[in-house]
Amino acid sequence: MDWFNNRPTFSRRQALKSMGCGFGYLAAAGLAHREAMAGVVNPLLARQPQFAPRAKRVIFLFMQGGPSHVDTFDYKPRLEKENGKMVRFDDARTLAKTKEIKEHRVYQNLWEFKPYGQCGQHVSTLFPHIARHVDDLCFVKSMHTDGVAHGPSTLFMHTGSINLVRPSIGSWVLYGLGSENNNLPGFVTIQPSMGNGGPRNYSNAFLPAVFQGTAVGRAGVSADDAKIRNLTNHLLSAKDQREQFNLLRAINAEQSRGDAGDAELDAVINSYELAWRMQHHAPDVMDLSREPESVKKLYGIGDKGTDDFGRQCLMARRLAESGVRYIQVNYGDNTNNPRWDQHSNLPKHEEHAFNTDQPVAGLLADLKQRGLLEDTLVWWGGEFGRTPYAQSNGTGRDHNPSGFSIFLAGGGVKPGFSFGETDEYGHHAIQDKVHMHDWHATLLHLLGMDHEHLTFRHDGRDFRLTDVHGHVVHEIMA
């Protein structure tokens, strides 16, 4: 239409009637912007996965220090046959120290192995309780990783990098999926160690700060004392606390409007609001006294040795059923020699196995009977394994990143299944090898995320958990 020569005539009433929807849209847009700037939009809200997930959440049981796979789940009869024999081992840690391939004394399995379950999986007598669950477990016996020392390997397991500051896997999961419960943190680590990476193992790094992990307790402190501090305010009434919160929220909203796009400020505001909601929900979730005595007994709570880790595992189950997306349970300490790190005293493994065996088995049984195991992925493992030879001809084993085992349960993995192999000594992964990058890619896939497309732009490039590596191990999926 020629607007200059054939101008249509509109009355004021017709114009307002025609443009009414437009005014409404502008008002709605303004309100939405205001709410977004005020921090009403929660970045932790649950998001749809990229494709149908097999698991909704993860419980990672971290065995800090590197349990010996050849004394636990990777049975190698050759160690018994050649016990004491000097053999040349192409060993990454020895090469790093001496630049030479040296002979070492083969060290036999110290504990008897037996087949269990319908699947016939061999388990050593270290884990009699876990052994009864082998038909629900998926073993990966061909793991290998980067780094020959605890610090680098622990960081690599948590972040996919040895020497760069990268987000932890829990932060990536929370970034990709959000939280199932807006009243609790989406990523919790129970009693983490301050060593070998410390907070970097549950850090958000360059991801927005709202995706960092929340530490409950710390290694070396009793699990009975592992609490989120200052959740309750005994000085103000509930009414006064609500008025105080509303005032602070209004102040934060004004500050946020004045500093548009400040991610750190938004993260602080969100953390304050989450803290407010947690006051009304977290104490109940973390109160283990509410559990029946039969459940506590299942986890070994109240018994010497198993009480501490049993409490951690039970807390993990309560967090999982309350919607926490990623939960890490740490069996570790704050010393320079992590618990499973037996260089000169391998029999010490017996103590650590006793402390964790019944709690882990209790967790598996409890999740299964509650129907939670179907969509909860349980991951048990350390940062690496241990050598098939005696270190310095002594009574312990050295670090072994070239081949080790983990086990999984629930969350869409094959039950009663074993994948991959190490050589006859248990030294190197040789068949169906699974690098830690591959495992990270697989874990994300089980949660419904493509590791190549879960990215975050930082300093002009897209980053991801697996960097430029990683292949999904479809063979272990049910």
Protein backbone atom coordinates (compact mmCIF):
# COMPACT_ATOMS: atom_id res chain seq x y z
CA MET A 1 0.00 0.00 0.00
CA ASP A 2 1.18 3.51 -0.82
CA TRP A 3 1.21 5.12 2.60
CA PHE A 4 1.65 8.61 1.17
CA ASN A 5 -1.17 8.68 -1.41
CA ASN A 6 -3.57 6.08 -0.01
CA ARG A 7 -3.30 6.50 3.72
CA PRO A 8 -5.84 4.36 5.62
CA THR A 9 -7.88 6.13 8.22
CA PHE A 10 -7.94 4.71 11.77
CA SER A 11 -9.90 6.04 14.66
CA ARG A 12 -8.20 6.24 18.03
CA ARG A 13 -10.45 3.43 19.28
CA GLN A 14 -9.47 1.17 16.35
CA ALA A 15 -5.78 1.90 16.83
CA LEU A 16 -5.85 1.04 20.54
CA LYS A 17 -7.88 -2.10 19.82
CA SER A 18 -5.38 -3.28 17.20
CA MET A 19 -2.29 -2.55 19.23
CA GLY A 20 -3.57 -3.74 22.61
CA CYS A 21 -1.80 -7.08 22.36
CA GLY A 22 1.42 -5.32 21.52
CA PHE A 23 1.22 -3.16 24.65
CA GLY A 24 0.58 -6.29 26.70
CA TYR A 25 3.59 -7.97 25.18
CA LEU A 26 5.80 -4.98 25.99
CA ALA A 27 4.58 -4.98 29.59
CA ALA A 28 5.17 -8.72 29.92
CA ALA A 29 8.65 -8.38 28.45
CA GLY A 30 9.46 -5.61 30.89
CA LEU A 31 8.28 -7.67 33.85
CA ALA A 32 10.23 -10.70 32.67
CA HIS A 33 13.38 -8.60 32.31
CA ARG A 34 12.87 -7.15 35.76
CA GLU A 35 12.42 -10.60 37.28
CA ALA A 36 15.49 -11.90 35.48
CA MET A 37 17.56 -8.97 36.70
CA ALA A 38 16.24 -9.47 40.22
CA GLY A 39 17.59 -13.02 40.27
CA VAL A 40 14.15 -14.66 40.09
CA VAL A 41 15.31 -16.90 37.26
CA ASN A 42 17.21 -19.73 38.93
CA PRO A 43 20.11 -21.10 36.81
CA LEU A 44 19.89 -24.34 38.79
CA LEU A 45 16.39 -25.17 37.59
CA ALA A 46 16.19 -28.67 36.12
CA ARG A 47 16.76 -28.76 32.37
CA GLN A 48 15.86 -31.37 29.80
CA PRO A 49 18.76 -33.66 28.82
CA GLN A 50 19.90 -33.71 25.23
CA PHE A 51 18.45 -37.19 24.76
CA ALA A 52 16.69 -39.85 26.83
CA PRO A 53 18.85 -40.53 29.90
CA ARG A 54 19.43 -43.87 31.57
CA ALA A 55 20.31 -42.22 34.90
CA LYS A 56 19.09 -39.09 36.66
CA ARG A 57 21.81 -38.79 39.26
CA VAL A 58 25.23 -40.10 40.27
CA ILE A 59 26.71 -41.36 43.53
CA PHE A 60 30.50 -41.57 43.26
CA LEU A 61 32.22 -43.61 45.97
CA PHE A 62 35.79 -42.32 45.78
CA MET A 63 38.42 -44.68 47.19
CA GLN A 64 41.25 -42.20 47.63
CA GLY A 65 44.77 -43.52 47.16
CA GLY A 66 44.27 -46.27 44.61
CA PRO A 67 43.01 -49.66 45.81
CA SER A 68 44.84 -52.63 44.35
CA HIS A 69 42.72 -54.07 41.55
CA VAL A 70 44.73 -57.32 41.51
CA ASP A 71 43.85 -57.88 45.19
CA THR A 72 40.17 -56.95 44.91
CA PHE A 73 38.30 -57.56 41.63
CA ASP A 74 40.83 -58.41 38.89
CA TYR A 75 41.90 -61.98 39.62
CA LYS A 76 45.32 -62.91 38.20
CA PRO A 77 46.39 -66.53 38.96
CA ARG A 78 49.79 -65.83 37.36
CA LEU A 79 50.76 -63.70 40.35
CA GLU A 80 50.44 -66.73 42.59
CA LYS A 81 52.35 -69.01 40.20
CA GLU A 82 55.25 -66.58 39.76
CA ASN A 83 55.35 -65.10 43.24
CA GLY A 84 58.91 -63.93 43.95
CA LYS A 85 60.08 -64.15 40.35
CA MET A 86 62.00 -61.15 38.98
CA VAL A 87 60.30 -59.81 35.83
CA ARG A 88 61.00 -56.75 33.67
CA PHE A 89 57.97 -54.44 33.82
CA ASP A 90 57.47 -51.55 31.44
CA ASP A 91 56.23 -49.27 34.19
CA ALA A 92 55.28 -45.61 33.74
CA ARG A 93 56.20 -44.58 37.27
CA THR A 94 59.60 -46.32 37.20
CA LEU A 95 60.35 -44.82 33.78
CA ALA A 96 59.41 -41.38 35.10
CA LYS A 97 61.91 -41.79 37.93
CA THR A 98 64.81 -43.66 36.32
CA LYS A 99 64.20 -43.60 32.53
CA GLU A 100 64.83 -47.37 32.59
CA ILE A 101 62.83 -50.58 32.37
CA LYS A 102 63.73 -52.52 35.49
CA GLU A 103 63.11 -55.91 37.00
CA HIS A 104 60.70 -56.16 39.90
CA ARG A 105 59.62 -59.00 42.15
CA VAL A 106 56.18 -60.42 41.32
CA TYR A 107 53.94 -60.12 44.36
CA GLN A 108 51.12 -62.65 44.78
CA ASN A 109 47.51 -61.88 45.67
CA LEU A 110 47.34 -61.63 49.43
CA TRP A 111 43.67 -62.60 49.61
CA GLU A 112 41.78 -65.56 48.19
CA PHE A 113 39.50 -65.04 45.21
CA LYS A 114 36.17 -66.84 44.75
CA PRO A 115 33.48 -66.70 42.04
CA TYR A 116 30.17 -65.20 43.14
CA GLY A 117 26.65 -64.89 41.76
CA GLN A 118 25.20 -66.23 38.56
CA CYS A 119 27.72 -64.18 36.60
CA GLY A 120 30.65 -65.94 38.31
CA GLN A 121 32.55 -62.73 38.96
CA HIS A 122 35.72 -63.33 41.03
CA VAL A 123 35.98 -61.19 44.16
CA SER A 124 38.64 -61.40 46.85
CA THR A 125 37.76 -62.15 50.45
CA LEU A 126 38.36 -58.45 51.18
CA PHE A 127 34.78 -57.68 50.10
CA PRO A 128 32.38 -60.40 51.29
CA HIS A 129 29.39 -58.00 51.41
CA ILE A 130 29.93 -56.40 48.00
CA ALA A 131 30.54 -59.89 46.57
CA ARG A 132 26.90 -60.77 47.25
CA HIS A 133 25.83 -58.00 44.87
CA VAL A 134 27.94 -58.92 41.83
CA ASP A 135 24.87 -59.77 39.74
CA ASP A 136 23.90 -56.09 40.03
CA LEU A 137 27.39 -54.77 39.24
CA CYS A 138 29.17 -53.86 36.03
CA PHE A 139 32.96 -54.15 36.26
CA VAL A 140 35.29 -52.21 33.96
CA LYS A 141 38.69 -53.88 34.26
CA SER A 142 40.58 -52.02 31.53
CA MET A 143 40.73 -48.52 32.93
CA HIS A 144 43.82 -46.39 32.36
CA THR A 145 44.52 -42.76 33.08
CA ASP A 146 47.04 -39.92 33.00
CA GLY A 147 49.40 -39.05 35.84
CA VAL A 148 51.54 -41.33 37.99
CA ALA A 149 51.14 -39.49 41.30
CA HIS A 150 48.05 -38.97 43.46
CA GLY A 151 47.69 -35.23 42.86
CA PRO A 152 47.71 -35.25 39.05
CA SER A 153 45.66 -38.45 38.74
CA THR A 154 43.07 -37.29 41.28
CA LEU A 155 42.67 -33.98 39.48
CA PHE A 156 42.45 -35.78 36.15
CA MET A 157 39.74 -38.11 37.46
CA HIS A 158 37.70 -35.18 38.75
CA THR A 159 38.29 -32.57 36.04
CA GLY A 160 39.75 -34.28 32.96
CA SER A 161 42.95 -32.23 33.29
CA ILE A 162 46.19 -32.61 35.20
CA ASN A 163 47.67 -29.12 35.35
CA LEU A 164 44.95 -26.69 34.25
CA VAL A 165 42.12 -25.31 36.37
CA ARG A 166 39.02 -26.97 34.92
CA PRO A 167 35.49 -27.56 36.24
CA SER A 168 34.90 -30.80 38.12
CA ILE A 169 32.67 -33.46 36.65
CA GLY A 170 29.97 -32.70 39.23
CA SER A 171 29.92 -29.07 38.13
CA TRP A 172 29.60 -30.11 34.47
CA VAL A 173 26.67 -32.37 35.35
CA LEU A 174 24.94 -29.60 37.29
CA TYR A 175 25.62 -27.11 34.48
CA GLY A 176 24.11 -29.48 31.93
CA LEU A 177 21.08 -30.73 33.84
CA GLY A 178 20.38 -28.34 36.69
CA SER A 179 19.06 -29.58 40.03
CA GLU A 180 16.05 -31.79 40.75
CA ASN A 181 15.45 -29.99 44.05
CA ASN A 182 15.65 -26.20 44.29
CA ASN A 183 15.87 -26.39 48.07
CA LEU A 184 19.19 -28.30 48.15
CA PRO A 185 22.55 -27.98 46.41
CA GLY A 186 22.68 -29.93 43.15
CA PHE A 187 26.26 -31.12 43.71
CA VAL A 188 27.42 -32.30 47.13
CA THR A 189 30.76 -33.82 48.16
CA ILE A 190 30.80 -35.55 51.54
CA GLN A 191 33.98 -35.25 53.61
CA PRO A 192 36.38 -34.28 50.81
CA SER A 193 40.13 -34.28 51.33
CA MET A 194 42.02 -31.01 51.38
CA GLY A 195 45.00 -32.64 49.65
CA ASN A 196 45.71 -33.81 46.09
CA GLY A 197 43.75 -31.02 44.47
CA GLY A 198 41.56 -30.18 47.44
CA PRO A 199 38.72 -27.81 46.53
CA ARG A 200 39.72 -27.96 42.85
CA ASN A 201 38.20 -31.45 42.82
CA TYR A 202 34.74 -29.96 43.36
CA SER A 203 35.33 -26.52 41.86
CA ASN A 204 33.31 -24.84 39.14
CA ALA A 205 36.52 -23.22 37.74
CA PHE A 206 35.37 -20.98 34.85
CA LEU A 207 31.76 -22.18 34.93
CA PRO A 208 29.40 -19.78 36.74
CA ALA A 209 29.90 -20.00 40.48
CA VAL A 210 26.42 -21.44 41.11
CA PHE A 211 27.66 -24.77 39.73
CA GLN A 212 30.38 -25.35 42.32
CA GLY A 213 30.14 -28.31 44.69
CA THR A 214 28.98 -27.96 48.28
CA ALA A 215 31.30 -29.64 50.78
CA VAL A 216 29.69 -31.37 53.76
CA GLY A 217 32.30 -31.98 56.45
CA ARG A 218 35.89 -32.77 55.54
CA ALA A 219 38.25 -35.72 55.61
CA GLY A 220 39.66 -36.51 59.02
CA VAL A 221 36.52 -35.32 60.83
CA SER A 222 33.89 -37.76 62.06
CA ALA A 223 30.95 -38.27 59.69
CA ASP A 224 28.69 -37.75 62.69
CA ASP A 225 29.94 -34.16 62.66
CA ALA A 226 29.65 -33.74 58.87
CA LYS A 227 27.02 -31.04 58.70
CA ILE A 228 26.28 -27.83 56.84
CA ARG A 229 27.03 -25.18 59.40
CA ASN A 230 24.74 -22.38 60.56
CA LEU A 231 21.57 -23.72 58.91
CA THR A 232 19.39 -22.64 61.81
CA ASN A 233 19.05 -19.24 63.44
CA HIS A 234 18.11 -19.43 67.10
CA LEU A 235 18.32 -15.65 67.62
CA LEU A 236 15.35 -14.57 65.47
CA SER A 237 11.82 -15.83 65.16
CA ALA A 238 10.60 -17.34 61.90
CA LYS A 239 8.59 -14.15 61.22
CA ASP A 240 11.61 -11.88 61.79
CA GLN A 241 13.79 -14.11 59.60
CA ARG A 242 11.23 -13.92 56.78
CA GLU A 243 11.10 -10.09 57.02
CA GLN A 244 14.90 -9.91 57.07
CA PHE A 245 15.10 -12.20 54.03
CA ASN A 246 12.54 -10.14 52.09
CA LEU A 247 14.49 -6.95 52.84
CA LEU A 248 17.79 -8.50 51.72
CA ARG A 249 16.12 -9.85 48.60
CA ALA A 250 14.83 -6.41 47.69
CA ILE A 251 18.28 -4.88 48.24
CA ASN A 252 19.89 -7.62 46.14
CA ALA A 253 17.37 -7.00 43.36
CA GLU A 254 18.28 -3.32 43.22
CA GLN A 255 21.99 -4.14 43.23
CA SER A 256 21.50 -6.71 40.48
CA ARG A 257 19.66 -4.22 38.30
CA GLY A 258 22.53 -1.81 38.68
CA ASP A 259 25.13 -4.44 37.77
CA ALA A 260 23.51 -6.20 34.84
CA GLY A 261 25.46 -9.20 33.60
CA ASP A 262 27.63 -9.57 36.72
CA ALA A 263 27.79 -13.39 36.95
CA GLU A 264 29.58 -13.39 40.30
CA LEU A 265 26.98 -11.12 41.89
CA ASP A 266 24.17 -13.25 40.47
CA ALA A 267 25.85 -16.35 41.88
CA VAL A 268 26.12 -14.76 45.33
CA ILE A 269 22.45 -13.77 45.26
CA ASN A 270 21.43 -17.25 44.17
CA SER A 271 23.58 -18.81 46.88
CA TYR A 272 21.92 -16.60 49.52
CA GLU A 273 18.47 -17.56 48.33
CA LEU A 274 19.42 -21.25 48.19
CA ALA A 275 20.79 -20.93 51.73
CA TRP A 276 17.44 -19.54 52.86
CA ARG A 277 15.55 -22.43 51.31
CA MET A 278 18.05 -24.93 52.72
CA GLN A 279 17.31 -23.77 56.27
CA HIS A 280 13.86 -25.29 55.94
CA HIS A 281 14.80 -28.51 54.13
CA ALA A 282 18.46 -29.56 54.59
CA PRO A 283 18.31 -30.26 58.36
CA ASP A 284 15.63 -32.92 57.81
CA VAL A 285 17.48 -34.51 54.90
CA MET A 286 20.76 -34.74 56.81
CA ASP A 287 19.25 -35.96 60.06
CA LEU A 288 20.13 -39.66 60.08
CA SER A 289 18.36 -40.17 63.41
CA ARG A 290 15.10 -40.33 61.45
CA GLU A 291 16.16 -43.63 59.89
CA PRO A 292 14.96 -46.94 61.39
CA GLU A 293 17.52 -48.95 63.31
CA SER A 294 17.25 -51.72 60.71
CA VAL A 295 18.46 -49.34 58.00
CA LYS A 296 21.34 -48.07 60.13
CA LYS A 297 22.35 -51.66 60.79
CA LEU A 298 22.30 -52.37 57.05
CA TYR A 299 24.99 -49.70 56.59
CA GLY A 300 27.05 -50.79 59.60
CA ILE A 301 26.25 -47.64 61.56
CA GLY A 302 27.01 -48.06 65.24
CA ASP A 303 29.66 -50.70 64.63
CA LYS A 304 33.37 -50.14 65.03
CA GLY A 305 35.11 -49.52 61.71
CA THR A 306 32.00 -49.23 59.53
CA ASP A 307 30.15 -46.47 61.41
CA ASP A 308 31.87 -43.51 59.77
CA PHE A 309 31.64 -44.55 56.12
CA GLY A 310 28.23 -46.06 56.78
CA ARG A 311 26.95 -42.62 57.81
CA GLN A 312 28.41 -41.09 54.66
CA CYS A 313 26.73 -43.68 52.44
CA LEU A 314 23.38 -43.33 54.18
CA MET A 315 23.60 -39.56 53.82
CA ALA A 316 24.29 -40.08 50.11
CA ARG A 317 21.14 -42.14 49.75
CA ARG A 318 19.05 -39.48 51.52
CA LEU A 319 20.51 -36.76 49.29
CA ALA A 320 19.88 -38.87 46.18
CA GLU A 321 16.22 -39.49 46.98
CA SER A 322 15.85 -35.77 47.78
CA GLY A 323 16.91 -34.79 44.26
CA VAL A 324 20.62 -33.96 44.57
CA ARG A 325 22.06 -34.52 41.11
CA TYR A 326 25.69 -35.47 41.84
CA ILE A 327 26.89 -36.85 45.16
CA GLN A 328 30.47 -37.79 45.96
CA VAL A 329 31.29 -39.89 49.01
CA ASN A 330 34.97 -39.72 49.92
CA TYR A 331 36.89 -42.42 51.76
CA GLY A 332 40.06 -40.45 52.37
CA ASP A 333 42.08 -38.34 54.74
CA ASN A 334 44.21 -35.21 54.74
CA THR A 335 47.61 -36.86 55.07
CA ASN A 336 50.31 -37.14 52.41
CA ASN A 337 49.57 -40.89 52.22
CA PRO A 338 45.93 -41.42 51.21
CA ARG A 339 44.14 -44.34 52.80
CA TRP A 340 44.46 -46.94 50.04
CA ASP A 341 48.07 -45.94 49.28
CA GLN A 342 49.97 -49.00 50.54
CA HIS A 343 53.53 -48.73 49.21
CA SER A 344 55.04 -50.80 52.02
CA ASN A 345 52.13 -52.31 53.91
CA LEU A 346 49.65 -53.93 51.54
CA PRO A 347 47.93 -55.86 54.37
CA LYS A 348 46.55 -52.46 55.45
CA HIS A 349 44.06 -52.90 52.57
CA GLU A 350 42.18 -55.27 54.87
CA GLU A 351 41.32 -52.46 57.28
CA HIS A 352 40.08 -50.15 54.54
CA ALA A 353 38.08 -52.90 52.87
CA PHE A 354 36.42 -53.74 56.18
CA ASN A 355 35.54 -50.08 56.78
CA THR A 356 33.86 -49.68 53.38
CA ASP A 357 32.56 -53.11 52.35
CA GLN A 358 29.35 -53.28 54.39
CA PRO A 359 28.45 -49.58 53.91
CA VAL A 360 28.78 -49.86 50.12
CA ALA A 361 26.80 -53.11 50.05
CA GLY A 362 24.20 -51.51 52.31
CA LEU A 363 23.89 -48.56 49.94
CA LEU A 364 23.40 -50.86 46.95
CA ALA A 365 20.75 -52.90 48.76
CA ASP A 366 18.96 -49.81 50.07
CA LEU A 367 18.87 -48.10 46.68
CA LYS A 368 17.57 -51.27 45.05
CA GLN A 369 14.78 -51.92 47.53
CA ARG A 370 13.61 -48.31 47.22
CA GLY A 371 13.58 -48.43 43.41
CA LEU A 372 16.31 -45.77 43.25
CA LEU A 373 19.01 -47.96 41.71
CA GLU A 374 17.22 -47.98 38.34
CA ASP A 375 17.92 -44.30 37.70
CA THR A 376 20.90 -43.73 40.04
CA LEU A 377 24.37 -44.49 38.69
CA VAL A 378 26.73 -45.73 41.42
CA TRP A 379 30.45 -45.49 40.61
CA TRP A 380 33.10 -47.08 42.86
CA GLY A 381 36.80 -46.52 42.22
CA GLY A 382 40.07 -44.73 42.86
CA GLU A 383 42.36 -42.50 40.82
CA PHE A 384 44.45 -45.48 39.63
CA GLY A 385 45.35 -49.07 40.55
CA ARG A 386 48.50 -50.68 41.88
CA THR A 387 51.38 -52.65 40.41
CA PRO A 388 51.55 -56.45 40.23
CA TYR A 389 55.02 -56.34 41.73
CA ALA A 390 56.33 -55.50 45.18
CA GLN A 391 57.69 -51.99 45.41
CA SER A 392 61.39 -52.00 46.30
CA ASN A 393 61.07 -55.76 46.90
CA GLY A 394 59.04 -54.96 50.00
CA THR A 395 55.47 -55.66 51.13
CA GLY A 396 53.51 -53.06 49.20
CA ARG A 397 52.59 -52.05 45.66
CA ASP A 398 53.38 -48.88 43.71
CA HIS A 399 50.97 -46.70 41.71
CA ASN A 400 49.64 -48.11 38.45
CA PRO A 401 47.78 -45.78 36.06
CA SER A 402 48.21 -48.22 33.14
CA GLY A 403 45.52 -50.68 34.17
CA PHE A 404 42.94 -50.82 36.97
CA SER A 405 39.30 -51.57 37.75
CA ILE A 406 36.14 -49.71 38.71
CA PHE A 407 32.64 -51.02 39.23
CA LEU A 408 29.27 -49.49 38.45
CA ALA A 409 25.68 -50.24 39.40
CA GLY A 410 22.25 -49.09 38.27
CA GLY A 411 21.77 -46.12 35.97
CA GLY A 412 21.49 -48.10 32.75
CA VAL A 413 24.65 -50.23 32.90
CA LYS A 414 24.65 -53.99 32.36
CA PRO A 415 24.29 -55.95 35.61
CA GLY A 416 26.45 -58.98 36.23
CA PHE A 417 28.82 -57.88 33.48
CA SER A 418 32.59 -57.49 33.11
CA PHE A 419 34.19 -55.40 30.39
CA GLY A 420 37.83 -55.16 29.33
CA GLU A 421 40.96 -56.93 30.50
CA THR A 422 44.45 -56.27 31.76
CA ASP A 423 47.41 -58.49 30.86
CA GLU A 424 48.17 -61.73 32.73
CA TYR A 425 49.89 -59.80 35.50
CA GLY A 426 47.23 -57.11 35.76
CA HIS A 427 49.73 -54.44 34.77
CA HIS A 428 48.50 -52.89 31.50
CA ALA A 429 44.99 -52.63 30.09
CA ILE A 430 45.14 -54.59 26.83
CA GLN A 431 41.60 -55.39 25.69
CA ASP A 432 38.70 -52.93 25.27
CA LYS A 433 40.76 -50.22 26.93
CA VAL A 434 38.81 -47.44 28.65
CA HIS A 435 40.64 -44.18 29.25
CA MET A 436 39.38 -41.81 31.95
CA HIS A 437 38.25 -39.46 29.14
CA ASP A 438 36.17 -42.36 27.77
CA TRP A 439 34.61 -42.96 31.16
CA HIS A 440 33.73 -39.27 31.51
CA ALA A 441 32.10 -39.33 28.08
CA THR A 442 30.18 -42.48 29.03
CA LEU A 443 28.99 -41.09 32.36
CA LEU A 444 27.62 -37.98 30.65
CA HIS A 445 25.95 -40.16 28.01
CA LEU A 446 24.20 -42.21 30.69
CA LEU A 447 22.82 -38.92 32.05
CA GLY A 448 21.51 -37.96 28.62
CA MET A 449 24.28 -35.57 27.54
CA ASP A 450 26.63 -35.63 24.55
CA HIS A 451 30.13 -34.90 25.84
CA GLU A 452 31.02 -33.21 22.55
CA HIS A 453 28.11 -30.77 22.82
CA LEU A 454 28.18 -30.05 26.55
CA THR A 455 30.44 -27.03 26.18
CA PHE A 456 31.09 -23.65 27.76
CA ARG A 457 32.74 -20.72 26.01
CA HIS A 458 35.63 -19.27 27.98
CA ASP A 459 38.49 -17.04 26.80
CA GLY A 460 37.38 -17.26 23.20
CA ARG A 461 37.04 -21.03 22.87
CA ASP A 462 34.60 -23.79 23.74
CA PHE A 463 35.64 -26.06 26.61
CA ARG A 464 34.26 -29.45 27.56
CA LEU A 465 34.96 -32.06 30.24
CA THR A 466 36.66 -34.43 27.78
CA ASP A 467 38.66 -31.68 26.00
CA VAL A 468 39.15 -33.10 22.46
CA HIS A 469 39.10 -36.75 23.55
CA GLY A 470 36.70 -39.40 24.77
CA HIS A 471 34.60 -42.18 23.28
CA VAL A 472 31.34 -43.44 24.75
CA VAL A 473 31.60 -47.08 25.87
CA HIS A 474 28.24 -48.34 24.59
CA GLU A 475 29.16 -51.96 25.35
CA ILE A 476 28.53 -51.56 29.09
CA MET A 477 25.03 -50.15 28.63
CA ALA A 478 21.97 -52.29 29.24
